[in-house]
Amino acid sequence: MKILIADDSRVMRQIVVRTLRQAGFGDHDLIEAADGQEAFDKTTSEQPDLVISDWNMPQMTGIEVLRQLRAAGNSVKFGFVTSECTPEMKTAAEASGSAFFIVKPFTAERFDEVFAPILG
């Protein structure tokens, strides 16, 4: 499977990659996007099976990426790994079709719990 990791922080993308490996998902094809527009473009062109997105990114926020993908008919599994967590954000994510919402800091165990049903 192909997984797109979208976060404007290169360090955070590396932490997500490392945590995916620790959780046993390192054998998947991992690609990265450094902002929301790049995340949208790569989701459209690369057709990943899963998108793990930050909420706040330049060019386009994570929720804007999700909403535009859904508006374009793209049903990729999409969710958030973010440092912010308000009930409004969770509601907006779920209403837009988000598959998960993980709050930083996270653990390999949390990734396994969330991604095992998605990635098998």
PDB file of N, CA and C in Angstrom:
ATOM      1  N   MET A   1       0.835  -1.187   0.000  1.00  0.00           N
ATOM      2  CA  MET A   1       0.000   0.000   0.000  1.00  0.00           C
ATOM      3  C   MET A   1       0.876   1.245   0.000  1.00  0.00           C
ATOM      4  N   LYS A   2       0.319   2.313  -0.500  1.00  0.00           N
ATOM      5  CA  LYS A   2       1.029   3.584  -0.549  1.00  0.00           C
ATOM      6  C   LYS A   2       0.413   4.531   0.486  1.00  0.00           C
ATOM      7  N   ILE A   3       1.283   5.160   1.283  1.00  0.00           N
ATOM      8  CA  ILE A   3       0.840   6.071   2.339  1.00  0.00           C
ATOM      9  C   ILE A   3       1.462   7.440   2.100  1.00  0.00           C
ATOM     10  N   LEU A   4       0.622   8.474   2.078  1.00  0.00           N
ATOM     11  CA  LEU A   4       1.103   9.851   1.944  1.00  0.00           C
ATOM     12  C   LEU A   4       1.094  10.502   3.324  1.00  0.00           C
ATOM     13  N   ILE A   5       2.229  11.071   3.703  1.00  0.00           N
ATOM     14  CA  ILE A   5       2.367  11.779   4.979  1.00  0.00           C
ATOM     15  C   ILE A   5       2.498  13.259   4.665  1.00  0.00           C
ATOM     16  N   ALA A   6       1.514  14.047   5.102  1.00  0.00           N
ATOM     17  CA  ALA A   6       1.490  15.480   4.803  1.00  0.00           C
ATOM     18  C   ALA A   6       1.675  16.285   6.083  1.00  0.00           C
ATOM     19  N   ASP A   7       2.760  17.010   6.142  1.00  0.00           N
ATOM     20  CA  ASP A   7       3.037  17.879   7.293  1.00  0.00           C
ATOM     21  C   ASP A   7       4.072  18.895   6.833  1.00  0.00           C
ATOM     22  N   ASP A   8       3.905  20.150   7.241  1.00  0.00           N
ATOM     23  CA  ASP A   8       4.858  21.176   6.822  1.00  0.00           C
ATOM     24  C   ASP A   8       6.181  21.079   7.576  1.00  0.00           C
ATOM     25  N   SER A   9       6.232  20.288   8.620  1.00  0.00           N
ATOM     26  CA  SER A   9       7.473  20.082   9.365  1.00  0.00           C
ATOM     27  C   SER A   9       8.152  18.797   8.886  1.00  0.00           C
ATOM     28  N   ARG A  10       9.362  18.946   8.322  1.00  0.00           N
ATOM     29  CA  ARG A  10      10.107  17.773   7.859  1.00  0.00           C
ATOM     30  C   ARG A  10      10.398  16.836   9.030  1.00  0.00           C
ATOM     31  N   VAL A  11      10.717  17.433  10.187  1.00  0.00           N
ATOM     32  CA  VAL A  11      11.003  16.623  11.371  1.00  0.00           C
ATOM     33  C   VAL A  11       9.771  15.809  11.767  1.00  0.00           C
ATOM     34  N   MET A  12       8.601  16.431  11.724  1.00  0.00           N
ATOM     35  CA  MET A  12       7.393  15.697  12.098  1.00  0.00           C
ATOM     36  C   MET A  12       7.092  14.595  11.082  1.00  0.00           C
ATOM     37  N   ARG A  13       7.319  14.848   9.795  1.00  0.00           N
ATOM     38  CA  ARG A  13       7.135  13.775   8.799  1.00  0.00           C
ATOM     39  C   ARG A  13       8.058  12.606   9.117  1.00  0.00           C
ATOM     40  N   GLN A  14       9.297  12.912   9.507  1.00  0.00           N
ATOM     41  CA  GLN A  14      10.241  11.849   9.845  1.00  0.00           C
ATOM     42  C   GLN A  14       9.795  11.091  11.095  1.00  0.00           C
ATOM     43  N   ILE A  15       9.215  11.798  12.054  1.00  0.00           N
ATOM     44  CA  ILE A  15       8.721  11.144  13.270  1.00  0.00           C
ATOM     45  C   ILE A  15       7.548  10.227  12.924  1.00  0.00           C
ATOM     46  N   VAL A  16       6.674  10.680  12.047  1.00  0.00           N
ATOM     47  CA  VAL A  16       5.543   9.836  11.623  1.00  0.00           C
ATOM     48  C   VAL A  16       6.060   8.592  10.899  1.00  0.00           C
ATOM     49  N   VAL A  17       7.046   8.773  10.005  1.00  0.00           N
ATOM     50  CA  VAL A  17       7.634   7.631   9.296  1.00  0.00           C
ATOM     51  C   VAL A  17       8.245   6.655  10.294  1.00  0.00           C
ATOM     52  N   ARG A  18       9.022   7.166  11.230  1.00  0.00           N
ATOM     53  CA  ARG A  18       9.662   6.303  12.224  1.00  0.00           C
ATOM     54  C   ARG A  18       8.624   5.559  13.052  1.00  0.00           C
ATOM     55  N   THR A  19       7.558   6.260  13.444  1.00  0.00           N
ATOM     56  CA  THR A  19       6.521   5.629  14.257  1.00  0.00           C
ATOM     57  C   THR A  19       5.760   4.574  13.457  1.00  0.00           C
ATOM     58  N   LEU A  20       5.534   4.840  12.170  1.00  0.00           N
ATOM     59  CA  LEU A  20       4.908   3.815  11.315  1.00  0.00           C
ATOM     60  C   LEU A  20       5.780   2.567  11.282  1.00  0.00           C
ATOM     61  N   ARG A  21       7.089   2.755  11.157  1.00  0.00           N
ATOM     62  CA  ARG A  21       8.001   1.602  11.137  1.00  0.00           C
ATOM     63  C   ARG A  21       7.965   0.869  12.470  1.00  0.00           C
ATOM     64  N   GLN A  22       7.977   1.611  13.577  1.00  0.00           N
ATOM     65  CA  GLN A  22       7.934   0.988  14.893  1.00  0.00           C
ATOM     66  C   GLN A  22       6.637   0.210  15.100  1.00  0.00           C
ATOM     67  N   ALA A  23       5.573   0.680  14.471  1.00  0.00           N
ATOM     68  CA  ALA A  23       4.277   0.014  14.614  1.00  0.00           C
ATOM     69  C   ALA A  23       4.132  -1.155  13.636  1.00  0.00           C
ATOM     70  N   GLY A  24       5.174  -1.373  12.807  1.00  0.00           N
ATOM     71  CA  GLY A  24       5.142  -2.509  11.903  1.00  0.00           C
ATOM     72  C   GLY A  24       4.600  -2.213  10.522  1.00  0.00           C
ATOM     73  N   PHE A  25       4.509  -0.940  10.151  1.00  0.00           N
ATOM     74  CA  PHE A  25       3.980  -0.570   8.844  1.00  0.00           C
ATOM     75  C   PHE A  25       5.053   0.022   7.929  1.00  0.00           C
ATOM     76  N   GLY A  26       6.312  -0.288   8.201  1.00  0.00           N
ATOM     77  CA  GLY A  26       7.411   0.295   7.442  1.00  0.00           C
ATOM     78  C   GLY A  26       7.604  -0.275   6.063  1.00  0.00           C
ATOM     79  N   ASP A  27       6.935  -1.386   5.764  1.00  0.00           N
ATOM     80  CA  ASP A  27       7.127  -1.991   4.452  1.00  0.00           C
ATOM     81  C   ASP A  27       6.209  -1.398   3.386  1.00  0.00           C
ATOM     82  N   HIS A  28       5.400  -0.438   3.771  1.00  0.00           N
ATOM     83  CA  HIS A  28       4.531   0.224   2.803  1.00  0.00           C
ATOM     84  C   HIS A  28       5.326   1.306   2.067  1.00  0.00           C
ATOM     85  N   ASP A  29       4.837   1.711   0.918  1.00  0.00           N
ATOM     86  CA  ASP A  29       5.472   2.763   0.129  1.00  0.00           C
ATOM     87  C   ASP A  29       5.082   4.102   0.747  1.00  0.00           C
ATOM     88  N   LEU A  30       6.059   4.803   1.328  1.00  0.00           N
ATOM     89  CA  LEU A  30       5.784   6.059   2.029  1.00  0.00           C
ATOM     90  C   LEU A  30       6.213   7.233   1.168  1.00  0.00           C
ATOM     91  N   ILE A  31       5.292   8.170   0.943  1.00  0.00           N
ATOM     92  CA  ILE A  31       5.600   9.389   0.215  1.00  0.00           C
ATOM     93  C   ILE A  31       5.229  10.573   1.093  1.00  0.00           C
ATOM     94  N   GLU A  32       5.789  11.748   0.798  1.00  0.00           N
ATOM     95  CA  GLU A  32       5.603  12.903   1.678  1.00  0.00           C
ATOM     96  C   GLU A  32       5.139  14.124   0.901  1.00  0.00           C
ATOM     97  N   ALA A  33       4.433  14.995   1.626  1.00  0.00           N
ATOM     98  CA  ALA A  33       4.031  16.297   1.099  1.00  0.00           C
ATOM     99  C   ALA A  33       4.326  17.345   2.165  1.00  0.00           C
ATOM    100  N   ALA A  34       4.845  18.501   1.735  1.00  0.00           N
ATOM    101  CA  ALA A  34       5.290  19.525   2.674  1.00  0.00           C
ATOM    102  C   ALA A  34       4.265  20.634   2.929  1.00  0.00           C
ATOM    103  N   ASP A  35       3.139  20.593   2.230  1.00  0.00           N
ATOM    104  CA  ASP A  35       2.069  21.566   2.498  1.00  0.00           C
ATOM    105  C   ASP A  35       0.752  21.013   1.956  1.00  0.00           C
ATOM    106  N   GLY A  36      -0.316  21.745   2.203  1.00  0.00           N
ATOM    107  CA  GLY A  36      -1.627  21.243   1.822  1.00  0.00           C
ATOM    108  C   GLY A  36      -1.823  21.110   0.324  1.00  0.00           C
ATOM    109  N   GLN A  37      -1.320  22.066  -0.432  1.00  0.00           N
ATOM    110  CA  GLN A  37      -1.476  21.985  -1.885  1.00  0.00           C
ATOM    111  C   GLN A  37      -0.742  20.779  -2.443  1.00  0.00           C
ATOM    112  N   GLU A  38       0.477  20.550  -1.931  1.00  0.00           N
ATOM    113  CA  GLU A  38       1.250  19.395  -2.378  1.00  0.00           C
ATOM    114  C   GLU A  38       0.529  18.100  -1.976  1.00  0.00           C
ATOM    115  N   ALA A  39      -0.073  18.103  -0.793  1.00  0.00           N
ATOM    116  CA  ALA A  39      -0.825  16.920  -0.347  1.00  0.00           C
ATOM    117  C   ALA A  39      -1.991  16.646  -1.293  1.00  0.00           C
ATOM    118  N   PHE A  40      -2.700  17.685  -1.662  1.00  0.00           N
ATOM    119  CA  PHE A  40      -3.820  17.507  -2.600  1.00  0.00           C
ATOM    120  C   PHE A  40      -3.313  17.004  -3.951  1.00  0.00           C
ATOM    121  N   ASP A  41      -2.275  17.652  -4.460  1.00  0.00           N
ATOM    122  CA  ASP A  41      -1.744  17.280  -5.778  1.00  0.00           C
ATOM    123  C   ASP A  41      -1.223  15.844  -5.783  1.00  0.00           C
ATOM    124  N   LYS A  42      -0.464  15.454  -4.751  1.00  0.00           N
ATOM    125  CA  LYS A  42       0.094  14.096  -4.715  1.00  0.00           C
ATOM    126  C   LYS A  42      -0.991  13.049  -4.485  1.00  0.00           C
ATOM    127  N   THR A  43      -2.026  13.412  -3.719  1.00  0.00           N
ATOM    128  CA  THR A  43      -3.125  12.459  -3.533  1.00  0.00           C
ATOM    129  C   THR A  43      -3.814  12.205  -4.866  1.00  0.00           C
ATOM    130  N   THR A  44      -3.954  13.238  -5.649  1.00  0.00           N
ATOM    131  CA  THR A  44      -4.590  13.105  -6.957  1.00  0.00           C
ATOM    132  C   THR A  44      -3.695  12.346  -7.939  1.00  0.00           C
ATOM    133  N   SER A  45      -2.403  12.680  -7.978  1.00  0.00           N
ATOM    134  CA  SER A  45      -1.515  12.077  -8.981  1.00  0.00           C
ATOM    135  C   SER A  45      -0.966  10.713  -8.566  1.00  0.00           C
ATOM    136  N   GLU A  46      -0.634  10.560  -7.276  1.00  0.00           N
ATOM    137  CA  GLU A  46       0.010   9.316  -6.825  1.00  0.00           C
ATOM    138  C   GLU A  46      -0.990   8.268  -6.347  1.00  0.00           C
ATOM    139  N   GLN A  47      -2.205   8.679  -6.090  1.00  0.00           N
ATOM    140  CA  GLN A  47      -3.287   7.803  -5.643  1.00  0.00           C
ATOM    141  C   GLN A  47      -2.868   6.897  -4.480  1.00  0.00           C
ATOM    142  N   PRO A  48      -2.487   7.506  -3.330  1.00  0.00           N
ATOM    143  CA  PRO A  48      -2.144   6.687  -2.164  1.00  0.00           C
ATOM    144  C   PRO A  48      -3.388   5.964  -1.626  1.00  0.00           C
ATOM    145  N   ASP A  49      -3.137   4.930  -0.827  1.00  0.00           N
ATOM    146  CA  ASP A  49      -4.232   4.192  -0.184  1.00  0.00           C
ATOM    147  C   ASP A  49      -4.657   4.850   1.121  1.00  0.00           C
ATOM    148  N   LEU A  50      -3.737   5.659   1.679  1.00  0.00           N
ATOM    149  CA  LEU A  50      -3.986   6.299   2.971  1.00  0.00           C
ATOM    150  C   LEU A  50      -3.259   7.636   2.993  1.00  0.00           C
ATOM    151  N   VAL A  51      -3.921   8.665   3.544  1.00  0.00           N
ATOM    152  CA  VAL A  51      -3.294   9.970   3.742  1.00  0.00           C
ATOM    153  C   VAL A  51      -3.304  10.267   5.239  1.00  0.00           C
ATOM    154  N   ILE A  52      -2.106  10.541   5.777  1.00  0.00           N
ATOM    155  CA  ILE A  52      -1.950  10.953   7.176  1.00  0.00           C
ATOM    156  C   ILE A  52      -1.558  12.419   7.126  1.00  0.00           C
ATOM    157  N   SER A  53      -2.440  13.299   7.593  1.00  0.00           N
ATOM    158  CA  SER A  53      -2.244  14.731   7.383  1.00  0.00           C
ATOM    159  C   SER A  53      -2.210  15.515   8.687  1.00  0.00           C
ATOM    160  N   ASP A  54      -1.369  16.520   8.706  1.00  0.00           N
ATOM    161  CA  ASP A  54      -1.409  17.520   9.762  1.00  0.00           C
ATOM    162  C   ASP A  54      -2.650  18.384   9.523  1.00  0.00           C
ATOM    163  N   TRP A  55      -3.105  19.066  10.544  1.00  0.00           N
ATOM    164  CA  TRP A  55      -4.267  19.943  10.386  1.00  0.00           C
ATOM    165  C   TRP A  55      -3.849  21.286   9.812  1.00  0.00           C
ATOM    166  N   ASN A  56      -2.832  21.903  10.440  1.00  0.00           N
ATOM    167  CA  ASN A  56      -2.373  23.236  10.032  1.00  0.00           C
ATOM    168  C   ASN A  56      -1.160  23.133   9.116  1.00  0.00           C
ATOM    169  N   MET A  57      -1.361  23.561   7.881  1.00  0.00           N
ATOM    170  CA  MET A  57      -0.277  23.569   6.900  1.00  0.00           C
ATOM    171  C   MET A  57      -0.440  24.800   6.017  1.00  0.00           C
ATOM    172  N   PRO A  58       0.676  25.291   5.433  1.00  0.00           N
ATOM    173  CA  PRO A  58       0.558  26.401   4.489  1.00  0.00           C
ATOM    174  C   PRO A  58      -0.119  25.961   3.191  1.00  0.00           C
ATOM    175  N   GLN A  59      -0.513  26.918   2.407  1.00  0.00           N
ATOM    176  CA  GLN A  59      -1.196  26.730   1.115  1.00  0.00           C
ATOM    177  C   GLN A  59      -2.640  26.264   1.283  1.00  0.00           C
ATOM    178  N   MET A  60      -2.845  25.225   2.082  1.00  0.00           N
ATOM    179  CA  MET A  60      -4.171  24.662   2.276  1.00  0.00           C
ATOM    180  C   MET A  60      -4.112  23.860   3.581  1.00  0.00           C
ATOM    181  N   THR A  61      -5.079  24.042   4.463  1.00  0.00           N
ATOM    182  CA  THR A  61      -5.068  23.260   5.706  1.00  0.00           C
ATOM    183  C   THR A  61      -5.445  21.809   5.408  1.00  0.00           C
ATOM    184  N   GLY A  62      -5.193  20.958   6.366  1.00  0.00           N
ATOM    185  CA  GLY A  62      -5.533  19.547   6.183  1.00  0.00           C
ATOM    186  C   GLY A  62      -7.021  19.328   5.951  1.00  0.00           C
ATOM    187  N   ILE A  63      -7.859  20.046   6.674  1.00  0.00           N
ATOM    188  CA  ILE A  63      -9.305  19.872   6.493  1.00  0.00           C
ATOM    189  C   ILE A  63      -9.728  20.394   5.123  1.00  0.00           C
ATOM    190  N   GLU A  64      -9.067  21.433   4.633  1.00  0.00           N
ATOM    191  CA  GLU A  64      -9.374  21.921   3.278  1.00  0.00           C
ATOM    192  C   GLU A  64      -8.969  20.882   2.227  1.00  0.00           C
ATOM    193  N   VAL A  65      -7.832  20.231   2.454  1.00  0.00           N
ATOM    194  CA  VAL A  65      -7.402  19.169   1.527  1.00  0.00           C
ATOM    195  C   VAL A  65      -8.460  18.068   1.501  1.00  0.00           C
ATOM    196  N   LEU A  66      -8.874  17.632   2.680  1.00  0.00           N
ATOM    197  CA  LEU A  66      -9.872  16.563   2.763  1.00  0.00           C
ATOM    198  C   LEU A  66     -11.170  16.980   2.074  1.00  0.00           C
ATOM    199  N   ARG A  67     -11.634  18.171   2.360  1.00  0.00           N
ATOM    200  CA  ARG A  67     -12.892  18.634   1.754  1.00  0.00           C
ATOM    201  C   ARG A  67     -12.788  18.734   0.225  1.00  0.00           C
ATOM    202  N   GLN A  68     -11.661  19.215  -0.279  1.00  0.00           N
ATOM    203  CA  GLN A  68     -11.511  19.320  -1.732  1.00  0.00           C
ATOM    204  C   GLN A  68     -11.408  17.952  -2.394  1.00  0.00           C
ATOM    205  N   LEU A  69     -10.730  17.023  -1.704  1.00  0.00           N
ATOM    206  CA  LEU A  69     -10.658  15.661  -2.253  1.00  0.00           C
ATOM    207  C   LEU A  69     -12.054  15.049  -2.337  1.00  0.00           C
ATOM    208  N   ARG A  70     -12.831  15.185  -1.269  1.00  0.00           N
ATOM    209  CA  ARG A  70     -14.182  14.618  -1.258  1.00  0.00           C
ATOM    210  C   ARG A  70     -15.063  15.306  -2.304  1.00  0.00           C
ATOM    211  N   ALA A  71     -14.904  16.620  -2.445  1.00  0.00           N
ATOM    212  CA  ALA A  71     -15.689  17.353  -3.440  1.00  0.00           C
ATOM    213  C   ALA A  71     -15.347  16.892  -4.855  1.00  0.00           C
ATOM    214  N   ALA A  72     -14.104  16.419  -5.046  1.00  0.00           N
ATOM    215  CA  ALA A  72     -13.679  15.931  -6.358  1.00  0.00           C
ATOM    216  C   ALA A  72     -14.014  14.453  -6.548  1.00  0.00           C
ATOM    217  N   GLY A  73     -14.668  13.860  -5.548  1.00  0.00           N
ATOM    218  CA  GLY A  73     -15.060  12.458  -5.669  1.00  0.00           C
ATOM    219  C   GLY A  73     -13.995  11.470  -5.227  1.00  0.00           C
ATOM    220  N   ASN A  74     -12.914  11.962  -4.605  1.00  0.00           N
ATOM    221  CA  ASN A  74     -11.832  11.091  -4.135  1.00  0.00           C
ATOM    222  C   ASN A  74     -12.206  10.537  -2.759  1.00  0.00           C
ATOM    223  N   SER A  75     -12.190   9.222  -2.606  1.00  0.00           N
ATOM    224  CA  SER A  75     -12.592   8.607  -1.344  1.00  0.00           C
ATOM    225  C   SER A  75     -11.435   7.948  -0.600  1.00  0.00           C
ATOM    226  N   VAL A  76     -10.206   8.417  -0.839  1.00  0.00           N
ATOM    227  CA  VAL A  76      -9.037   7.869  -0.159  1.00  0.00           C
ATOM    228  C   VAL A  76      -9.247   7.907   1.360  1.00  0.00           C
ATOM    229  N   LYS A  77      -8.723   6.887   2.054  1.00  0.00           N
ATOM    230  CA  LYS A  77      -8.771   6.928   3.520  1.00  0.00           C
ATOM    231  C   LYS A  77      -7.864   8.069   3.968  1.00  0.00           C
ATOM    232  N   PHE A  78      -8.423   8.947   4.779  1.00  0.00           N
ATOM    233  CA  PHE A  78      -7.744  10.197   5.130  1.00  0.00           C
ATOM    234  C   PHE A  78      -7.975  10.463   6.602  1.00  0.00           C
ATOM    235  N   GLY A  79      -6.916  10.869   7.314  1.00  0.00           N
ATOM    236  CA  GLY A  79      -7.076  11.209   8.723  1.00  0.00           C
ATOM    237  C   GLY A  79      -5.997  12.169   9.179  1.00  0.00           C
ATOM    238  N   PHE A  80      -6.120  12.554  10.427  1.00  0.00           N
ATOM    239  CA  PHE A  80      -5.265  13.609  10.949  1.00  0.00           C
ATOM    240  C   PHE A  80      -4.369  13.135  12.072  1.00  0.00           C
ATOM    241  N   VAL A  81      -3.120  13.607  12.035  1.00  0.00           N
ATOM    242  CA  VAL A  81      -2.192  13.514  13.154  1.00  0.00           C
ATOM    243  C   VAL A  81      -1.828  14.955  13.448  1.00  0.00           C
ATOM    244  N   THR A  82      -2.319  15.469  14.551  1.00  0.00           N
ATOM    245  CA  THR A  82      -2.212  16.904  14.796  1.00  0.00           C
ATOM    246  C   THR A  82      -2.005  17.202  16.272  1.00  0.00           C
ATOM    247  N   SER A  83      -1.441  18.376  16.546  1.00  0.00           N
ATOM    248  CA  SER A  83      -1.200  18.767  17.937  1.00  0.00           C
ATOM    249  C   SER A  83      -2.409  19.439  18.552  1.00  0.00           C
ATOM    250  N   GLU A  84      -3.324  19.899  17.728  1.00  0.00           N
ATOM    251  CA  GLU A  84      -4.524  20.546  18.237  1.00  0.00           C
ATOM    252  C   GLU A  84      -5.681  19.562  18.234  1.00  0.00           C
ATOM    253  N   CYS A  85      -6.520  19.709  19.240  1.00  0.00           N
ATOM    254  CA  CYS A  85      -7.674  18.813  19.307  1.00  0.00           C
ATOM    255  C   CYS A  85      -8.806  19.519  20.038  1.00  0.00           C
ATOM    256  N   THR A  86      -9.758  19.995  19.296  1.00  0.00           N
ATOM    257  CA  THR A  86     -10.951  20.570  19.908  1.00  0.00           C
ATOM    258  C   THR A  86     -12.139  19.729  19.455  1.00  0.00           C
ATOM    259  N   PRO A  87     -13.219  19.760  20.205  1.00  0.00           N
ATOM    260  CA  PRO A  87     -14.407  19.025  19.761  1.00  0.00           C
ATOM    261  C   PRO A  87     -14.878  19.491  18.384  1.00  0.00           C
ATOM    262  N   GLU A  88     -14.722  20.783  18.088  1.00  0.00           N
ATOM    263  CA  GLU A  88     -15.130  21.309  16.781  1.00  0.00           C
ATOM    264  C   GLU A  88     -14.280  20.718  15.658  1.00  0.00           C
ATOM    265  N   MET A  89     -12.979  20.573  15.915  1.00  0.00           N
ATOM    266  CA  MET A  89     -12.094  19.995  14.901  1.00  0.00           C
ATOM    267  C   MET A  89     -12.469  18.537  14.634  1.00  0.00           C
ATOM    268  N   LYS A  90     -12.699  17.785  15.700  1.00  0.00           N
ATOM    269  CA  LYS A  90     -13.077  16.378  15.527  1.00  0.00           C
ATOM    270  C   LYS A  90     -14.399  16.261  14.774  1.00  0.00           C
ATOM    271  N   THR A  91     -15.346  17.115  15.115  1.00  0.00           N
ATOM    272  CA  THR A  91     -16.642  17.088  14.436  1.00  0.00           C
ATOM    273  C   THR A  91     -16.486  17.424  12.963  1.00  0.00           C
ATOM    274  N   ALA A  92     -15.690  18.450  12.671  1.00  0.00           N
ATOM    275  CA  ALA A  92     -15.458  18.840  11.271  1.00  0.00           C
ATOM    276  C   ALA A  92     -14.763  17.722  10.513  1.00  0.00           C
ATOM    277  N   ALA A  93     -13.791  17.082  11.149  1.00  0.00           N
ATOM    278  CA  ALA A  93     -13.066  15.985  10.499  1.00  0.00           C
ATOM    279  C   ALA A  93     -14.014  14.831  10.184  1.00  0.00           C
ATOM    280  N   GLU A  94     -14.803  14.433  11.149  1.00  0.00           N
ATOM    281  CA  GLU A  94     -15.733  13.315  10.949  1.00  0.00           C
ATOM    282  C   GLU A  94     -16.777  13.658   9.892  1.00  0.00           C
ATOM    283  N   ALA A  95     -17.290  14.887   9.946  1.00  0.00           N
ATOM    284  CA  ALA A  95     -18.306  15.302   8.980  1.00  0.00           C
ATOM    285  C   ALA A  95     -17.755  15.326   7.553  1.00  0.00           C
ATOM    286  N   SER A  96     -16.438  15.525   7.429  1.00  0.00           N
ATOM    287  CA  SER A  96     -15.813  15.579   6.108  1.00  0.00           C
ATOM    288  C   SER A  96     -15.341  14.216   5.625  1.00  0.00           C
ATOM    289  N   GLY A  97     -15.476  13.208   6.478  1.00  0.00           N
ATOM    290  CA  GLY A  97     -15.108  11.866   6.052  1.00  0.00           C
ATOM    291  C   GLY A  97     -13.756  11.386   6.545  1.00  0.00           C
ATOM    292  N   SER A  98     -13.239  12.001   7.606  1.00  0.00           N
ATOM    293  CA  SER A  98     -11.966  11.563   8.166  1.00  0.00           C
ATOM    294  C   SER A  98     -12.115  10.174   8.787  1.00  0.00           C
ATOM    295  N   ALA A  99     -11.104   9.332   8.579  1.00  0.00           N
ATOM    296  CA  ALA A  99     -11.133   7.965   9.106  1.00  0.00           C
ATOM    297  C   ALA A  99     -10.549   7.870  10.512  1.00  0.00           C
ATOM    298  N   PHE A 100      -9.748   8.869  10.902  1.00  0.00           N
ATOM    299  CA  PHE A 100      -9.128   8.840  12.233  1.00  0.00           C
ATOM    300  C   PHE A 100      -8.657  10.233  12.618  1.00  0.00           C
ATOM    301  N   PHE A 101      -8.370  10.382  13.909  1.00  0.00           N
ATOM    302  CA  PHE A 101      -7.889  11.650  14.447  1.00  0.00           C
ATOM    303  C   PHE A 101      -6.921  11.295  15.578  1.00  0.00           C
ATOM    304  N   ILE A 102      -5.627  11.464  15.345  1.00  0.00           N
ATOM    305  CA  ILE A 102      -4.604  11.126  16.332  1.00  0.00           C
ATOM    306  C   ILE A 102      -3.975  12.425  16.827  1.00  0.00           C
ATOM    307  N   VAL A 103      -3.887  12.553  18.156  1.00  0.00           N
ATOM    308  CA  VAL A 103      -3.338  13.769  18.753  1.00  0.00           C
ATOM    309  C   VAL A 103      -1.884  13.520  19.142  1.00  0.00           C
ATOM    310  N   LYS A 104      -1.024  14.504  18.813  1.00  0.00           N
ATOM    311  CA  LYS A 104       0.378  14.453  19.199  1.00  0.00           C
ATOM    312  C   LYS A 104       0.479  14.758  20.694  1.00  0.00           C
ATOM    313  N   PRO A 105       1.379  14.208  21.437  1.00  0.00           N
ATOM    314  CA  PRO A 105       2.320  13.182  21.006  1.00  0.00           C
ATOM    315  C   PRO A 105       1.627  11.834  20.877  1.00  0.00           C
ATOM    316  N   PHE A 106       2.151  11.006  19.997  1.00  0.00           N
ATOM    317  CA  PHE A 106       1.543   9.707  19.742  1.00  0.00           C
ATOM    318  C   PHE A 106       2.589   8.619  19.962  1.00  0.00           C
ATOM    319  N   THR A 107       2.131   7.383  19.983  1.00  0.00           N
ATOM    320  CA  THR A 107       3.019   6.244  20.203  1.00  0.00           C
ATOM    321  C   THR A 107       2.844   5.235  19.070  1.00  0.00           C
ATOM    322  N   ALA A 108       3.778   4.327  18.982  1.00  0.00           N
ATOM    323  CA  ALA A 108       3.664   3.239  18.000  1.00  0.00           C
ATOM    324  C   ALA A 108       2.427   2.394  18.315  1.00  0.00           C
ATOM    325  N   GLU A 109       2.111   2.238  19.590  1.00  0.00           N
ATOM    326  CA  GLU A 109       0.934   1.461  19.972  1.00  0.00           C
ATOM    327  C   GLU A 109      -0.339   2.143  19.466  1.00  0.00           C
ATOM    328  N   ARG A 110      -0.400   3.448  19.560  1.00  0.00           N
ATOM    329  CA  ARG A 110      -1.572   4.189  19.062  1.00  0.00           C
ATOM    330  C   ARG A 110      -1.685   4.049  17.540  1.00  0.00           C
ATOM    331  N   PHE A 111      -0.537   4.135  16.847  1.00  0.00           N
ATOM    332  CA  PHE A 111      -0.553   3.955  15.394  1.00  0.00           C
ATOM    333  C   PHE A 111      -1.048   2.557  15.043  1.00  0.00           C
ATOM    334  N   ASP A 112      -0.560   1.553  15.775  1.00  0.00           N
ATOM    335  CA  ASP A 112      -0.983   0.182  15.501  1.00  0.00           C
ATOM    336  C   ASP A 112      -2.489   0.042  15.710  1.00  0.00           C
ATOM    337  N   GLU A 113      -2.987   0.618  16.786  1.00  0.00           N
ATOM    338  CA  GLU A 113      -4.418   0.548  17.100  1.00  0.00           C
ATOM    339  C   GLU A 113      -5.256   1.175  15.981  1.00  0.00           C
ATOM    340  N   VAL A 114      -4.804   2.305  15.468  1.00  0.00           N
ATOM    341  CA  VAL A 114      -5.576   3.026  14.442  1.00  0.00           C
ATOM    342  C   VAL A 114      -5.365   2.439  13.047  1.00  0.00           C
ATOM    343  N   PHE A 115      -4.109   2.090  12.707  1.00  0.00           N
ATOM    344  CA  PHE A 115      -3.815   1.723  11.322  1.00  0.00           C
ATOM    345  C   PHE A 115      -3.936   0.234  11.019  1.00  0.00           C
ATOM    346  N   ALA A 116      -3.879  -0.618  12.027  1.00  0.00           N
ATOM    347  CA  ALA A 116      -4.002  -2.061  11.756  1.00  0.00           C
ATOM    348  C   ALA A 116      -5.304  -2.396  11.025  1.00  0.00           C
ATOM    349  N   PRO A 117      -6.452  -1.856  11.440  1.00  0.00           N
ATOM    350  CA  PRO A 117      -7.672  -2.166  10.692  1.00  0.00           C
ATOM    351  C   PRO A 117      -7.668  -1.594   9.268  1.00  0.00           C
ATOM    352  N   ILE A 118      -6.924  -0.513   9.059  1.00  0.00           N
ATOM    353  CA  ILE A 118      -6.896   0.126   7.741  1.00  0.00           C
ATOM    354  C   ILE A 118      -5.876  -0.545   6.822  1.00  0.00           C
ATOM    355  N   LEU A 119      -4.680  -0.845   7.378  1.00  0.00           N
ATOM    356  CA  LEU A 119      -3.585  -1.364   6.564  1.00  0.00           C
ATOM    357  C   LEU A 119      -3.466  -2.876   6.591  1.00  0.00           C
ATOM    358  N   GLY A 120      -4.120  -3.488   7.548  1.00  0.00           N
ATOM    359  CA  GLY A 120      -4.094  -4.945   7.622  1.00  0.00           C
ATOM    360  C   GLY A 120      -2.835  -5.512   8.205  1.00  0.00           C
TER     361      GLY A 120
END
